[in-house]
Amino acid sequence: MEIDHYMANLFFEIRRSLPASQQSSMKISASDLGARMVDLYESTNDENIKGLIEAFLEHAGAEWSKKIEVKTKRYRGAELSMEDSRQPGSDERTKKKVRYYRGARIEE
C-alpha cells in the first residue's frame, strides 16, 4: 500500500484518537498497516475512529474498502444483520393460522 499525504494525515489523526496502549503499536511504516486498520475498525466502538479508518481505506483502494463493508445496518439505533437469519417456511406469516372460537382451536 502506498501512502500519500492525505492518508498520512488520516493515519496520524487515527493514532491521536487511540488509547495510549494502542498508539505505540501503530506505525506508519508497518508493512501490514492495512490489515491493522481493518482489525482496528472491527474491534473499536468509536464512530469517529471508524469514520477516519473508512476514509483511509477508501483512499487506499477498492480492495481495502471491500474488507470493511458493513455487514450490519442500523435501524433506530439497533444493529440489524444484513443476512437473513430466518429459514424459508419458518416465518410466522407462512404458518397456518390458529384461531380460537368459543374455546375450541380452529386451524385454517
PDB file of N, CA and C in Angstrom:
ATOM      1  N   MET A   1       0.847  -1.165   0.000  1.00  0.00           N
ATOM      2  CA  MET A   1       0.000   0.000   0.000  1.00  0.00           C
ATOM      3  C   MET A   1       0.899   1.237   0.000  1.00  0.00           C
ATOM      4  N   GLU A   2       0.636   2.119  -0.934  1.00  0.00           N
ATOM      5  CA  GLU A   2       1.376   3.371  -0.985  1.00  0.00           C
ATOM      6  C   GLU A   2       0.585   4.436  -0.235  1.00  0.00           C
ATOM      7  N   ILE A   3       1.273   5.154   0.617  1.00  0.00           N
ATOM      8  CA  ILE A   3       0.626   6.151   1.459  1.00  0.00           C
ATOM      9  C   ILE A   3       0.986   7.537   0.941  1.00  0.00           C
ATOM     10  N   ASP A   4      -0.034   8.327   0.647  1.00  0.00           N
ATOM     11  CA  ASP A   4       0.198   9.697   0.212  1.00  0.00           C
ATOM     12  C   ASP A   4      -0.023  10.658   1.394  1.00  0.00           C
ATOM     13  N   HIS A   5       0.059  11.933   1.125  1.00  0.00           N
ATOM     14  CA  HIS A   5      -0.032  12.947   2.180  1.00  0.00           C
ATOM     15  C   HIS A   5      -1.393  12.910   2.895  1.00  0.00           C
ATOM     16  N   TYR A   6      -2.460  12.759   2.151  1.00  0.00           N
ATOM     17  CA  TYR A   6      -3.806  12.710   2.733  1.00  0.00           C
ATOM     18  C   TYR A   6      -3.948  11.508   3.667  1.00  0.00           C
ATOM     19  N   MET A   7      -3.452  10.358   3.237  1.00  0.00           N
ATOM     20  CA  MET A   7      -3.539   9.153   4.067  1.00  0.00           C
ATOM     21  C   MET A   7      -2.661   9.278   5.306  1.00  0.00           C
ATOM     22  N   ALA A   8      -1.505   9.942   5.177  1.00  0.00           N
ATOM     23  CA  ALA A   8      -0.639  10.152   6.335  1.00  0.00           C
ATOM     24  C   ALA A   8      -1.338  11.030   7.370  1.00  0.00           C
ATOM     25  N   ASN A   9      -2.006  12.069   6.915  1.00  0.00           N
ATOM     26  CA  ASN A   9      -2.756  12.924   7.844  1.00  0.00           C
ATOM     27  C   ASN A   9      -3.864  12.136   8.544  1.00  0.00           C
ATOM     28  N   LEU A  10      -4.563  11.300   7.789  1.00  0.00           N
ATOM     29  CA  LEU A  10      -5.607  10.468   8.397  1.00  0.00           C
ATOM     30  C   LEU A  10      -5.013   9.490   9.404  1.00  0.00           C
ATOM     31  N   PHE A  11      -3.875   8.895   9.062  1.00  0.00           N
ATOM     32  CA  PHE A  11      -3.234   7.945   9.969  1.00  0.00           C
ATOM     33  C   PHE A  11      -2.896   8.607  11.295  1.00  0.00           C
ATOM     34  N   PHE A  12      -2.283   9.781  11.234  1.00  0.00           N
ATOM     35  CA  PHE A  12      -1.893  10.442  12.480  1.00  0.00           C
ATOM     36  C   PHE A  12      -3.110  10.910  13.277  1.00  0.00           C
ATOM     37  N   GLU A  13      -4.186  11.260  12.607  1.00  0.00           N
ATOM     38  CA  GLU A  13      -5.428  11.602  13.311  1.00  0.00           C
ATOM     39  C   GLU A  13      -6.009  10.368  13.996  1.00  0.00           C
ATOM     40  N   ILE A  14      -5.978   9.235  13.316  1.00  0.00           N
ATOM     41  CA  ILE A  14      -6.447   7.976  13.913  1.00  0.00           C
ATOM     42  C   ILE A  14      -5.580   7.622  15.113  1.00  0.00           C
ATOM     43  N   ARG A  15      -4.286   7.750  14.948  1.00  0.00           N
ATOM     44  CA  ARG A  15      -3.371   7.403  16.036  1.00  0.00           C
ATOM     45  C   ARG A  15      -3.582   8.303  17.243  1.00  0.00           C
ATOM     46  N   ARG A  16      -3.838   9.595  17.023  1.00  0.00           N
ATOM     47  CA  ARG A  16      -4.106  10.511  18.144  1.00  0.00           C
ATOM     48  C   ARG A  16      -5.387  10.139  18.877  1.00  0.00           C
ATOM     49  N   SER A  17      -6.334   9.568  18.167  1.00  0.00           N
ATOM     50  CA  SER A  17      -7.622   9.223  18.766  1.00  0.00           C
ATOM     51  C   SER A  17      -7.586   7.917  19.553  1.00  0.00           C
ATOM     52  N   LEU A  18      -6.549   7.119  19.348  1.00  0.00           N
ATOM     53  CA  LEU A  18      -6.451   5.822  20.023  1.00  0.00           C
ATOM     54  C   LEU A  18      -6.002   5.984  21.473  1.00  0.00           C
ATOM     55  N   PRO A  19      -6.328   5.004  22.322  1.00  0.00           N
ATOM     56  CA  PRO A  19      -5.774   4.998  23.679  1.00  0.00           C
ATOM     57  C   PRO A  19      -4.253   4.829  23.632  1.00  0.00           C
ATOM     58  N   ALA A  20      -3.584   5.265  24.692  1.00  0.00           N
ATOM     59  CA  ALA A  20      -2.114   5.249  24.724  1.00  0.00           C
ATOM     60  C   ALA A  20      -1.551   3.843  24.554  1.00  0.00           C
ATOM     61  N   SER A  21      -2.258   2.834  25.025  1.00  0.00           N
ATOM     62  CA  SER A  21      -1.753   1.470  24.914  1.00  0.00           C
ATOM     63  C   SER A  21      -1.711   0.989  23.468  1.00  0.00           C
ATOM     64  N   GLN A  22      -2.593   1.493  22.634  1.00  0.00           N
ATOM     65  CA  GLN A  22      -2.626   1.076  21.227  1.00  0.00           C
ATOM     66  C   GLN A  22      -1.803   1.981  20.327  1.00  0.00           C
ATOM     67  N   GLN A  23      -1.499   3.199  20.788  1.00  0.00           N
ATOM     68  CA  GLN A  23      -0.747   4.137  19.957  1.00  0.00           C
ATOM     69  C   GLN A  23       0.648   3.626  19.638  1.00  0.00           C
ATOM     70  N   SER A  24       1.284   2.959  20.586  1.00  0.00           N
ATOM     71  CA  SER A  24       2.668   2.525  20.369  1.00  0.00           C
ATOM     72  C   SER A  24       2.763   1.432  19.301  1.00  0.00           C
ATOM     73  N   SER A  25       1.711   0.647  19.115  1.00  0.00           N
ATOM     74  CA  SER A  25       1.772  -0.431  18.127  1.00  0.00           C
ATOM     75  C   SER A  25       1.436   0.049  16.716  1.00  0.00           C
ATOM     76  N   MET A  26       0.864   1.221  16.574  1.00  0.00           N
ATOM     77  CA  MET A  26       0.504   1.752  15.254  1.00  0.00           C
ATOM     78  C   MET A  26       1.679   2.532  14.675  1.00  0.00           C
ATOM     79  N   LYS A  27       2.310   1.961  13.667  1.00  0.00           N
ATOM     80  CA  LYS A  27       3.434   2.603  12.993  1.00  0.00           C
ATOM     81  C   LYS A  27       3.089   2.773  11.521  1.00  0.00           C
ATOM     82  N   ILE A  28       3.370   3.950  10.989  1.00  0.00           N
ATOM     83  CA  ILE A  28       3.034   4.227   9.599  1.00  0.00           C
ATOM     84  C   ILE A  28       3.927   3.429   8.652  1.00  0.00           C
ATOM     85  N   SER A  29       5.081   2.982   9.125  1.00  0.00           N
ATOM     86  CA  SER A  29       6.000   2.228   8.272  1.00  0.00           C
ATOM     87  C   SER A  29       5.757   0.722   8.315  1.00  0.00           C
ATOM     88  N   ALA A  30       4.743   0.282   9.045  1.00  0.00           N
ATOM     89  CA  ALA A  30       4.459  -1.149   9.158  1.00  0.00           C
ATOM     90  C   ALA A  30       3.999  -1.700   7.807  1.00  0.00           C
ATOM     91  N   SER A  31       4.471  -2.884   7.481  1.00  0.00           N
ATOM     92  CA  SER A  31       4.116  -3.473   6.184  1.00  0.00           C
ATOM     93  C   SER A  31       2.670  -3.964   6.168  1.00  0.00           C
ATOM     94  N   ASP A  32       2.119  -4.270   7.335  1.00  0.00           N
ATOM     95  CA  ASP A  32       0.734  -4.750   7.419  1.00  0.00           C
ATOM     96  C   ASP A  32      -0.208  -3.676   7.964  1.00  0.00           C
ATOM     97  N   LEU A  33       0.030  -2.435   7.562  1.00  0.00           N
ATOM     98  CA  LEU A  33      -0.765  -1.316   8.072  1.00  0.00           C
ATOM     99  C   LEU A  33      -2.236  -1.458   7.692  1.00  0.00           C
ATOM    100  N   GLY A  34      -2.512  -1.896   6.480  1.00  0.00           N
ATOM    101  CA  GLY A  34      -3.899  -2.064   6.047  1.00  0.00           C
ATOM    102  C   GLY A  34      -4.625  -3.104   6.873  1.00  0.00           C
ATOM    103  N   ALA A  35      -3.980  -4.219   7.135  1.00  0.00           N
ATOM    104  CA  ALA A  35      -4.595  -5.276   7.951  1.00  0.00           C
ATOM    105  C   ALA A  35      -4.820  -4.800   9.380  1.00  0.00           C
ATOM    106  N   ARG A  36      -3.879  -4.022   9.899  1.00  0.00           N
ATOM    107  CA  ARG A  36      -4.055  -3.470  11.245  1.00  0.00           C
ATOM    108  C   ARG A  36      -5.226  -2.508  11.303  1.00  0.00           C
ATOM    109  N   MET A  37      -5.397  -1.716  10.241  1.00  0.00           N
ATOM    110  CA  MET A  37      -6.524  -0.777  10.191  1.00  0.00           C
ATOM    111  C   MET A  37      -7.851  -1.533  10.143  1.00  0.00           C
ATOM    112  N   VAL A  38      -7.906  -2.613   9.387  1.00  0.00           N
ATOM    113  CA  VAL A  38      -9.125  -3.414   9.308  1.00  0.00           C
ATOM    114  C   VAL A  38      -9.431  -4.038  10.667  1.00  0.00           C
ATOM    115  N   ASP A  39      -8.398  -4.573  11.340  1.00  0.00           N
ATOM    116  CA  ASP A  39      -8.583  -5.152  12.676  1.00  0.00           C
ATOM    117  C   ASP A  39      -9.055  -4.100  13.669  1.00  0.00           C
ATOM    118  N   LEU A  40      -8.467  -2.909  13.590  1.00  0.00           N
ATOM    119  CA  LEU A  40      -8.864  -1.828  14.490  1.00  0.00           C
ATOM    120  C   LEU A  40     -10.302  -1.401  14.221  1.00  0.00           C
ATOM    121  N   TYR A  41     -10.669  -1.363  12.941  1.00  0.00           N
ATOM    122  CA  TYR A  41     -12.033  -0.986  12.575  1.00  0.00           C
ATOM    123  C   TYR A  41     -13.049  -1.967  13.170  1.00  0.00           C
ATOM    124  N   GLU A  42     -12.728  -3.253  13.119  1.00  0.00           N
ATOM    125  CA  GLU A  42     -13.651  -4.263  13.627  1.00  0.00           C
ATOM    126  C   GLU A  42     -13.692  -4.307  15.149  1.00  0.00           C
ATOM    127  N   SER A  43     -12.603  -3.906  15.803  1.00  0.00           N
ATOM    128  CA  SER A  43     -12.546  -4.024  17.261  1.00  0.00           C
ATOM    129  C   SER A  43     -13.034  -2.777  17.997  1.00  0.00           C
ATOM    130  N   THR A  44     -13.041  -1.630  17.346  1.00  0.00           N
ATOM    131  CA  THR A  44     -13.402  -0.400  18.043  1.00  0.00           C
ATOM    132  C   THR A  44     -14.898  -0.126  17.981  1.00  0.00           C
ATOM    133  N   ASN A  45     -15.370   0.596  18.981  1.00  0.00           N
ATOM    134  CA  ASN A  45     -16.766   1.030  19.013  1.00  0.00           C
ATOM    135  C   ASN A  45     -16.892   2.536  18.780  1.00  0.00           C
ATOM    136  N   ASP A  46     -15.776   3.222  18.663  1.00  0.00           N
ATOM    137  CA  ASP A  46     -15.759   4.668  18.486  1.00  0.00           C
ATOM    138  C   ASP A  46     -16.097   5.018  17.035  1.00  0.00           C
ATOM    139  N   GLU A  47     -17.185   5.742  16.856  1.00  0.00           N
ATOM    140  CA  GLU A  47     -17.641   6.077  15.497  1.00  0.00           C
ATOM    141  C   GLU A  47     -16.685   7.041  14.800  1.00  0.00           C
ATOM    142  N   ASN A  48     -16.004   7.901  15.556  1.00  0.00           N
ATOM    143  CA  ASN A  48     -15.051   8.836  14.962  1.00  0.00           C
ATOM    144  C   ASN A  48     -13.878   8.079  14.354  1.00  0.00           C
ATOM    145  N   ILE A  49     -13.342   7.129  15.091  1.00  0.00           N
ATOM    146  CA  ILE A  49     -12.220   6.327  14.588  1.00  0.00           C
ATOM    147  C   ILE A  49     -12.664   5.500  13.390  1.00  0.00           C
ATOM    148  N   LYS A  50     -13.869   4.932  13.452  1.00  0.00           N
ATOM    149  CA  LYS A  50     -14.370   4.139  12.324  1.00  0.00           C
ATOM    150  C   LYS A  50     -14.486   4.989  11.064  1.00  0.00           C
ATOM    151  N   GLY A  51     -14.976   6.203  11.200  1.00  0.00           N
ATOM    152  CA  GLY A  51     -15.094   7.093  10.046  1.00  0.00           C
ATOM    153  C   GLY A  51     -13.748   7.447   9.441  1.00  0.00           C
ATOM    154  N   LEU A  52     -12.763   7.702  10.306  1.00  0.00           N
ATOM    155  CA  LEU A  52     -11.420   8.010   9.816  1.00  0.00           C
ATOM    156  C   LEU A  52     -10.797   6.809   9.113  1.00  0.00           C
ATOM    157  N   ILE A  53     -10.998   5.618   9.676  1.00  0.00           N
ATOM    158  CA  ILE A  53     -10.451   4.411   9.053  1.00  0.00           C
ATOM    159  C   ILE A  53     -11.131   4.139   7.720  1.00  0.00           C
ATOM    160  N   GLU A  54     -12.446   4.374   7.641  1.00  0.00           N
ATOM    161  CA  GLU A  54     -13.152   4.211   6.364  1.00  0.00           C
ATOM    162  C   GLU A  54     -12.565   5.124   5.304  1.00  0.00           C
ATOM    163  N   ALA A  55     -12.333   6.399   5.657  1.00  0.00           N
ATOM    164  CA  ALA A  55     -11.757   7.342   4.699  1.00  0.00           C
ATOM    165  C   ALA A  55     -10.347   6.911   4.294  1.00  0.00           C
ATOM    166  N   PHE A  56      -9.557   6.426   5.258  1.00  0.00           N
ATOM    167  CA  PHE A  56      -8.201   5.967   4.981  1.00  0.00           C
ATOM    168  C   PHE A  56      -8.215   4.798   3.998  1.00  0.00           C
ATOM    169  N   LEU A  57      -9.061   3.807   4.264  1.00  0.00           N
ATOM    170  CA  LEU A  57      -9.080   2.611   3.419  1.00  0.00           C
ATOM    171  C   LEU A  57      -9.737   2.875   2.063  1.00  0.00           C
ATOM    172  N   GLU A  58     -10.699   3.777   1.986  1.00  0.00           N
ATOM    173  CA  GLU A  58     -11.277   4.134   0.685  1.00  0.00           C
ATOM    174  C   GLU A  58     -10.227   4.808  -0.194  1.00  0.00           C
ATOM    175  N   HIS A  59      -9.380   5.623   0.437  1.00  0.00           N
ATOM    176  CA  HIS A  59      -8.325   6.286  -0.322  1.00  0.00           C
ATOM    177  C   HIS A  59      -7.224   5.296  -0.711  1.00  0.00           C
ATOM    178  N   ALA A  60      -7.071   4.222   0.067  1.00  0.00           N
ATOM    179  CA  ALA A  60      -6.054   3.208  -0.220  1.00  0.00           C
ATOM    180  C   ALA A  60      -6.418   2.373  -1.443  1.00  0.00           C
ATOM    181  N   GLY A  61      -7.710   2.223  -1.696  1.00  0.00           N
ATOM    182  CA  GLY A  61      -8.113   1.459  -2.866  1.00  0.00           C
ATOM    183  C   GLY A  61      -9.362   0.652  -2.610  1.00  0.00           C
ATOM    184  N   ALA A  62      -9.950   0.158  -3.691  1.00  0.00           N
ATOM    185  CA  ALA A  62     -11.217  -0.574  -3.597  1.00  0.00           C
ATOM    186  C   ALA A  62     -11.058  -1.897  -2.861  1.00  0.00           C
ATOM    187  N   GLU A  63      -9.910  -2.561  -3.029  1.00  0.00           N
ATOM    188  CA  GLU A  63      -9.732  -3.854  -2.365  1.00  0.00           C
ATOM    189  C   GLU A  63      -9.695  -3.700  -0.844  1.00  0.00           C
ATOM    190  N   TRP A  64      -9.212  -2.562  -0.345  1.00  0.00           N
ATOM    191  CA  TRP A  64      -9.196  -2.338   1.105  1.00  0.00           C
ATOM    192  C   TRP A  64     -10.547  -1.919   1.624  1.00  0.00           C
ATOM    193  N   SER A  65     -11.259  -1.115   0.867  1.00  0.00           N
ATOM    194  CA  SER A  65     -12.571  -0.677   1.349  1.00  0.00           C
ATOM    195  C   SER A  65     -13.587  -1.817   1.335  1.00  0.00           C
ATOM    196  N   LYS A  66     -13.367  -2.836   0.485  1.00  0.00           N
ATOM    197  CA  LYS A  66     -14.254  -4.004   0.482  1.00  0.00           C
ATOM    198  C   LYS A  66     -14.128  -4.810   1.767  1.00  0.00           C
ATOM    199  N   LYS A  67     -12.954  -4.749   2.394  1.00  0.00           N
ATOM    200  CA  LYS A  67     -12.715  -5.541   3.598  1.00  0.00           C
ATOM    201  C   LYS A  67     -13.480  -5.035   4.806  1.00  0.00           C
ATOM    202  N   ILE A  68     -13.963  -3.791   4.750  1.00  0.00           N
ATOM    203  CA  ILE A  68     -14.713  -3.259   5.884  1.00  0.00           C
ATOM    204  C   ILE A  68     -16.163  -2.976   5.523  1.00  0.00           C
ATOM    205  N   GLU A  69     -16.656  -3.627   4.474  1.00  0.00           N
ATOM    206  CA  GLU A  69     -18.047  -3.410   4.102  1.00  0.00           C
ATOM    207  C   GLU A  69     -18.947  -3.707   5.283  1.00  0.00           C
ATOM    208  N   VAL A  70     -19.972  -2.931   5.401  1.00  0.00           N
ATOM    209  CA  VAL A  70     -20.889  -3.066   6.530  1.00  0.00           C
ATOM    210  C   VAL A  70     -21.704  -4.343   6.379  1.00  0.00           C
ATOM    211  N   LYS A  71     -21.625  -5.191   7.384  1.00  0.00           N
ATOM    212  CA  LYS A  71     -22.379  -6.431   7.379  1.00  0.00           C
ATOM    213  C   LYS A  71     -23.644  -6.300   8.209  1.00  0.00           C
ATOM    214  N   THR A  72     -23.777  -5.162   8.858  1.00  0.00           N
ATOM    215  CA  THR A  72     -24.982  -4.889   9.636  1.00  0.00           C
ATOM    216  C   THR A  72     -25.493  -3.519   9.244  1.00  0.00           C
ATOM    217  N   LYS A  73     -26.756  -3.311   9.421  1.00  0.00           N
ATOM    218  CA  LYS A  73     -27.303  -1.987   9.188  1.00  0.00           C
ATOM    219  C   LYS A  73     -27.999  -1.540  10.464  1.00  0.00           C
ATOM    220  N   ARG A  74     -28.183  -0.260  10.595  1.00  0.00           N
ATOM    221  CA  ARG A  74     -28.782   0.295  11.802  1.00  0.00           C
ATOM    222  C   ARG A  74     -30.203   0.756  11.495  1.00  0.00           C
ATOM    223  N   TYR A  75     -31.091   0.441  12.410  1.00  0.00           N
ATOM    224  CA  TYR A  75     -32.463   0.899  12.298  1.00  0.00           C
ATOM    225  C   TYR A  75     -32.884   1.391  13.671  1.00  0.00           C
ATOM    226  N   ARG A  76     -33.098   2.678  13.784  1.00  0.00           N
ATOM    227  CA  ARG A  76     -33.492   3.319  15.033  1.00  0.00           C
ATOM    228  C   ARG A  76     -32.550   2.980  16.186  1.00  0.00           C
ATOM    229  N   GLY A  77     -31.254   3.000  15.898  1.00  0.00           N
ATOM    230  CA  GLY A  77     -30.251   2.785  16.922  1.00  0.00           C
ATOM    231  C   GLY A  77     -29.885   1.339  17.173  1.00  0.00           C
ATOM    232  N   ALA A  78     -30.635   0.403  16.640  1.00  0.00           N
ATOM    233  CA  ALA A  78     -30.338  -1.013  16.841  1.00  0.00           C
ATOM    234  C   ALA A  78     -29.636  -1.554  15.603  1.00  0.00           C
ATOM    235  N   GLU A  79     -28.665  -2.432  15.818  1.00  0.00           N
ATOM    236  CA  GLU A  79     -27.964  -3.041  14.696  1.00  0.00           C
ATOM    237  C   GLU A  79     -28.711  -4.272  14.230  1.00  0.00           C
ATOM    238  N   LEU A  80     -28.944  -4.344  12.924  1.00  0.00           N
ATOM    239  CA  LEU A  80     -29.631  -5.481  12.321  1.00  0.00           C
ATOM    240  C   LEU A  80     -28.672  -6.175  11.375  1.00  0.00           C
ATOM    241  N   SER A  81     -28.706  -7.476  11.357  1.00  0.00           N
ATOM    242  CA  SER A  81     -27.846  -8.238  10.471  1.00  0.00           C
ATOM    243  C   SER A  81     -28.384  -8.154   9.054  1.00  0.00           C
ATOM    244  N   MET A  82     -27.472  -8.036   8.096  1.00  0.00           N
ATOM    245  CA  MET A  82     -27.882  -7.987   6.694  1.00  0.00           C
ATOM    246  C   MET A  82     -28.241  -9.379   6.191  1.00  0.00           C
ATOM    247  N   GLU A  83     -27.717 -10.414   6.844  1.00  0.00           N
ATOM    248  CA  GLU A  83     -28.019 -11.771   6.433  1.00  0.00           C
ATOM    249  C   GLU A  83     -29.406 -12.138   6.918  1.00  0.00           C
ATOM    250  N   ASP A  84     -30.122 -12.858   6.110  1.00  0.00           N
ATOM    251  CA  ASP A  84     -31.449 -13.288   6.517  1.00  0.00           C
ATOM    252  C   ASP A  84     -31.302 -14.524   7.388  1.00  0.00           C
ATOM    253  N   SER A  85     -31.528 -14.355   8.685  1.00  0.00           N
ATOM    254  CA  SER A  85     -31.317 -15.463   9.615  1.00  0.00           C
ATOM    255  C   SER A  85     -32.510 -16.408   9.669  1.00  0.00           C
ATOM    256  N   ARG A  86     -33.623 -16.009   9.100  1.00  0.00           N
ATOM    257  CA  ARG A  86     -34.803 -16.881   9.123  1.00  0.00           C
ATOM    258  C   ARG A  86     -34.724 -17.922   8.021  1.00  0.00           C
ATOM    259  N   GLN A  87     -35.173 -19.097   8.327  1.00  0.00           N
ATOM    260  CA  GLN A  87     -35.216 -20.176   7.348  1.00  0.00           C
ATOM    261  C   GLN A  87     -36.492 -20.047   6.528  1.00  0.00           C
ATOM    262  N   PRO A  88     -36.473 -20.435   5.258  1.00  0.00           N
ATOM    263  CA  PRO A  88     -37.701 -20.388   4.478  1.00  0.00           C
ATOM    264  C   PRO A  88     -38.741 -21.325   5.080  1.00  0.00           C
ATOM    265  N   GLY A  89     -39.937 -20.824   5.203  1.00  0.00           N
ATOM    266  CA  GLY A  89     -41.024 -21.623   5.758  1.00  0.00           C
ATOM    267  C   GLY A  89     -41.142 -21.516   7.266  1.00  0.00           C
ATOM    268  N   SER A  90     -40.179 -20.896   7.916  1.00  0.00           N
ATOM    269  CA  SER A  90     -40.270 -20.769   9.362  1.00  0.00           C
ATOM    270  C   SER A  90     -40.838 -19.416   9.777  1.00  0.00           C
ATOM    271  N   ASP A  91     -41.142 -18.603   8.813  1.00  0.00           N
ATOM    272  CA  ASP A  91     -41.708 -17.296   9.121  1.00  0.00           C
ATOM    273  C   ASP A  91     -43.105 -17.460   9.707  1.00  0.00           C
ATOM    274  N   GLU A  92     -43.419 -16.627  10.658  1.00  0.00           N
ATOM    275  CA  GLU A  92     -44.705 -16.741  11.338  1.00  0.00           C
ATOM    276  C   GLU A  92     -45.881 -16.533  10.383  1.00  0.00           C
ATOM    277  N   ARG A  93     -45.670 -15.735   9.368  1.00  0.00           N
ATOM    278  CA  ARG A  93     -46.767 -15.466   8.442  1.00  0.00           C
ATOM    279  C   ARG A  93     -47.064 -16.648   7.522  1.00  0.00           C
ATOM    280  N   THR A  94     -46.115 -17.539   7.337  1.00  0.00           N
ATOM    281  CA  THR A  94     -46.346 -18.681   6.462  1.00  0.00           C
ATOM    282  C   THR A  94     -46.945 -19.864   7.204  1.00  0.00           C
ATOM    283  N   LYS A  95     -46.947 -19.805   8.529  1.00  0.00           N
ATOM    284  CA  LYS A  95     -47.551 -20.887   9.298  1.00  0.00           C
ATOM    285  C   LYS A  95     -49.068 -20.799   9.191  1.00  0.00           C
ATOM    286  N   LYS A  96     -49.704 -21.912   9.462  1.00  0.00           N
ATOM    287  CA  LYS A  96     -51.155 -21.916   9.433  1.00  0.00           C
ATOM    288  C   LYS A  96     -51.689 -21.060  10.574  1.00  0.00           C
ATOM    289  N   LYS A  97     -52.745 -20.360  10.282  1.00  0.00           N
ATOM    290  CA  LYS A  97     -53.368 -19.536  11.302  1.00  0.00           C
ATOM    291  C   LYS A  97     -54.089 -20.418  12.305  1.00  0.00           C
ATOM    292  N   VAL A  98     -53.944 -20.083  13.540  1.00  0.00           N
ATOM    293  CA  VAL A  98     -54.655 -20.798  14.593  1.00  0.00           C
ATOM    294  C   VAL A  98     -55.569 -19.788  15.272  1.00  0.00           C
ATOM    295  N   ARG A  99     -56.821 -20.081  15.242  1.00  0.00           N
ATOM    296  CA  ARG A  99     -57.805 -19.219  15.894  1.00  0.00           C
ATOM    297  C   ARG A  99     -58.567 -20.028  16.913  1.00  0.00           C
ATOM    298  N   TYR A 100     -59.155 -19.330  17.817  1.00  0.00           N
ATOM    299  CA  TYR A 100     -59.988 -19.960  18.837  1.00  0.00           C
ATOM    300  C   TYR A 100     -61.415 -19.425  18.707  1.00  0.00           C
ATOM    301  N   TYR A 101     -62.350 -20.341  18.632  1.00  0.00           N
ATOM    302  CA  TYR A 101     -63.757 -19.974  18.549  1.00  0.00           C
ATOM    303  C   TYR A 101     -64.477 -20.679  19.678  1.00  0.00           C
ATOM    304  N   ARG A 102     -64.968 -19.887  20.600  1.00  0.00           N
ATOM    305  CA  ARG A 102     -65.662 -20.375  21.793  1.00  0.00           C
ATOM    306  C   ARG A 102     -64.842 -21.424  22.545  1.00  0.00           C
ATOM    307  N   GLY A 103     -63.523 -21.143  22.641  1.00  0.00           N
ATOM    308  CA  GLY A 103     -62.644 -22.012  23.390  1.00  0.00           C
ATOM    309  C   GLY A 103     -62.105 -23.181  22.623  1.00  0.00           C
ATOM    310  N   ALA A 104     -62.579 -23.426  21.409  1.00  0.00           N
ATOM    311  CA  ALA A 104     -62.097 -24.553  20.604  1.00  0.00           C
ATOM    312  C   ALA A 104     -61.075 -24.029  19.607  1.00  0.00           C
ATOM    313  N   ARG A 105     -60.028 -24.783  19.406  1.00  0.00           N
ATOM    314  CA  ARG A 105     -58.957 -24.396  18.477  1.00  0.00           C
ATOM    315  C   ARG A 105     -59.374 -24.727  17.054  1.00  0.00           C
ATOM    316  N   ILE A 106     -59.238 -23.727  16.150  1.00  0.00           N
ATOM    317  CA  ILE A 106     -59.602 -23.893  14.745  1.00  0.00           C
ATOM    318  C   ILE A 106     -58.371 -23.543  13.913  1.00  0.00           C
ATOM    319  N   GLU A 107     -57.914 -24.510  13.073  1.00  0.00           N
ATOM    320  CA  GLU A 107     -56.757 -24.247  12.202  1.00  0.00           C
ATOM    321  C   GLU A 107     -57.260 -23.926  10.810  1.00  0.00           C
ATOM    322  N   GLU A 108     -56.663 -22.935  10.209  1.00  0.00           N
ATOM    323  CA  GLU A 108     -57.054 -22.545   8.856  1.00  0.00           C
ATOM    324  C   GLU A 108     -55.929 -22.763   7.894  1.00  0.00           C
TER     325      GLU A 108
END
